[in-house]
Amino acid sequence: MKKRFLRDLEVSAIGYGCMGLSHGYGAVPKRSESIRLIQSAFDLGCTFFDTAESYGAGENERLVGEAVKPCWQQNST
C-alpha cells in the first residue's frame, strides 16, 4: 500500500472511515465484527483510521483503540 506523510507521521494513502461502526448510518455492527474489520484493514496495510470524539460520544475512539492495540504491539516487537 502506498504511504503518505502527515507532517512527521507516515500513514497509508487509503484510510478507513470508522464513524459508521459506532453511529451515524443506522444500526451499528457488533463490536466483535467491527474489531475484526479494523484488524483486517490493518492486515491489508491500512494505518489511517478516521475517528473523532463526537462519534458515539467517544465510543468510536475507544473501539478503534481496542482494535489496533494488538496490531501495533505485534508490529513493534
Protein backbone atom coordinates (compact mmCIF):
# COMPACT_ATOMS: atom_id res chain seq x y z
CA MET A 1 0.00 0.00 0.00
CA LYS A 2 1.24 3.48 -0.80
CA LYS A 3 2.12 5.71 2.14
CA ARG A 4 1.80 9.43 2.81
CA PHE A 5 3.31 11.73 5.39
CA LEU A 6 1.15 13.90 7.61
CA ARG A 7 3.98 16.09 8.88
CA ASP A 8 6.17 13.52 10.68
CA LEU A 9 3.59 10.72 10.73
CA GLU A 10 3.60 8.13 7.94
CA VAL A 11 0.18 6.65 7.19
CA SER A 12 -1.42 4.61 4.44
CA ALA A 13 -2.62 6.61 1.43
CA ILE A 14 -6.02 4.95 1.81
CA GLY A 15 -7.77 5.43 5.13
CA TYR A 16 -10.77 3.80 6.73
CA GLY A 17 -13.63 5.97 7.98
CA CYS A 18 -14.83 4.43 11.23
CA MET A 19 -17.86 6.59 12.08
CA GLY A 20 -20.40 4.00 10.94
CA LEU A 21 -19.01 1.49 13.41
CA SER A 22 -20.48 3.39 16.36
CA HIS A 23 -23.26 5.61 14.94
CA GLY A 24 -24.46 7.63 12.01
CA TYR A 25 -25.77 5.14 9.46
CA GLY A 26 -28.48 3.23 11.29
CA ALA A 27 -27.79 0.01 13.18
CA VAL A 28 -24.14 -0.47 14.13
CA PRO A 29 -22.32 -3.78 13.68
CA LYS A 30 -21.48 -5.99 16.65
CA ARG A 31 -18.36 -4.80 18.46
CA SER A 32 -16.52 -8.04 17.67
CA GLU A 33 -17.29 -7.63 13.96
CA SER A 34 -16.11 -4.01 13.99
CA ILE A 35 -12.85 -5.03 15.64
CA ARG A 36 -12.35 -7.81 13.10
CA LEU A 37 -12.99 -5.35 10.27
CA ILE A 38 -10.48 -2.80 11.59
CA GLN A 39 -7.85 -5.50 12.14
CA SER A 40 -8.42 -6.87 8.63
CA ALA A 41 -7.92 -3.39 7.18
CA PHE A 42 -4.68 -3.11 9.18
CA ASP A 43 -3.52 -6.50 7.87
CA LEU A 44 -4.10 -5.18 4.33
CA GLY A 45 -1.85 -2.18 5.03
CA CYS A 46 -4.29 0.47 6.24
CA THR A 47 -2.80 2.53 9.06
CA PHE A 48 -5.01 5.62 8.77
CA PHE A 49 -8.26 5.25 10.70
CA ASP A 50 -10.57 8.27 10.71
CA THR A 51 -12.38 8.72 14.01
CA ALA A 52 -13.49 11.57 16.28
CA GLU A 53 -14.61 12.12 19.86
CA SER A 54 -18.07 13.07 18.64
CA TYR A 55 -18.67 9.68 17.01
CA GLY A 56 -20.73 7.84 19.60
CA ALA A 57 -19.65 10.18 22.43
CA GLY A 58 -16.08 8.84 22.32
CA GLU A 59 -17.07 5.22 21.85
CA ASN A 60 -15.68 5.17 18.31
CA GLU A 61 -12.19 6.14 19.50
CA ARG A 62 -12.29 3.51 22.25
CA LEU A 63 -13.34 0.92 19.66
CA VAL A 64 -10.55 1.84 17.23
CA GLY A 65 -8.00 1.89 20.06
CA GLU A 66 -9.05 -1.56 21.24
CA ALA A 67 -8.87 -2.91 17.70
CA VAL A 68 -5.46 -1.52 16.73
CA LYS A 69 -3.66 -2.02 20.05
CA PRO A 70 -2.71 -5.66 19.37
CA CYS A 71 -1.73 -4.75 15.79
CA TRP A 72 0.68 -2.04 16.96
CA GLN A 73 2.06 -4.25 19.75
CA GLN A 74 2.66 -7.10 17.29
CA ASN A 75 4.44 -4.82 14.80
CA SER A 76 6.59 -3.06 17.41
CA THR A 77 8.37 -6.24 18.55
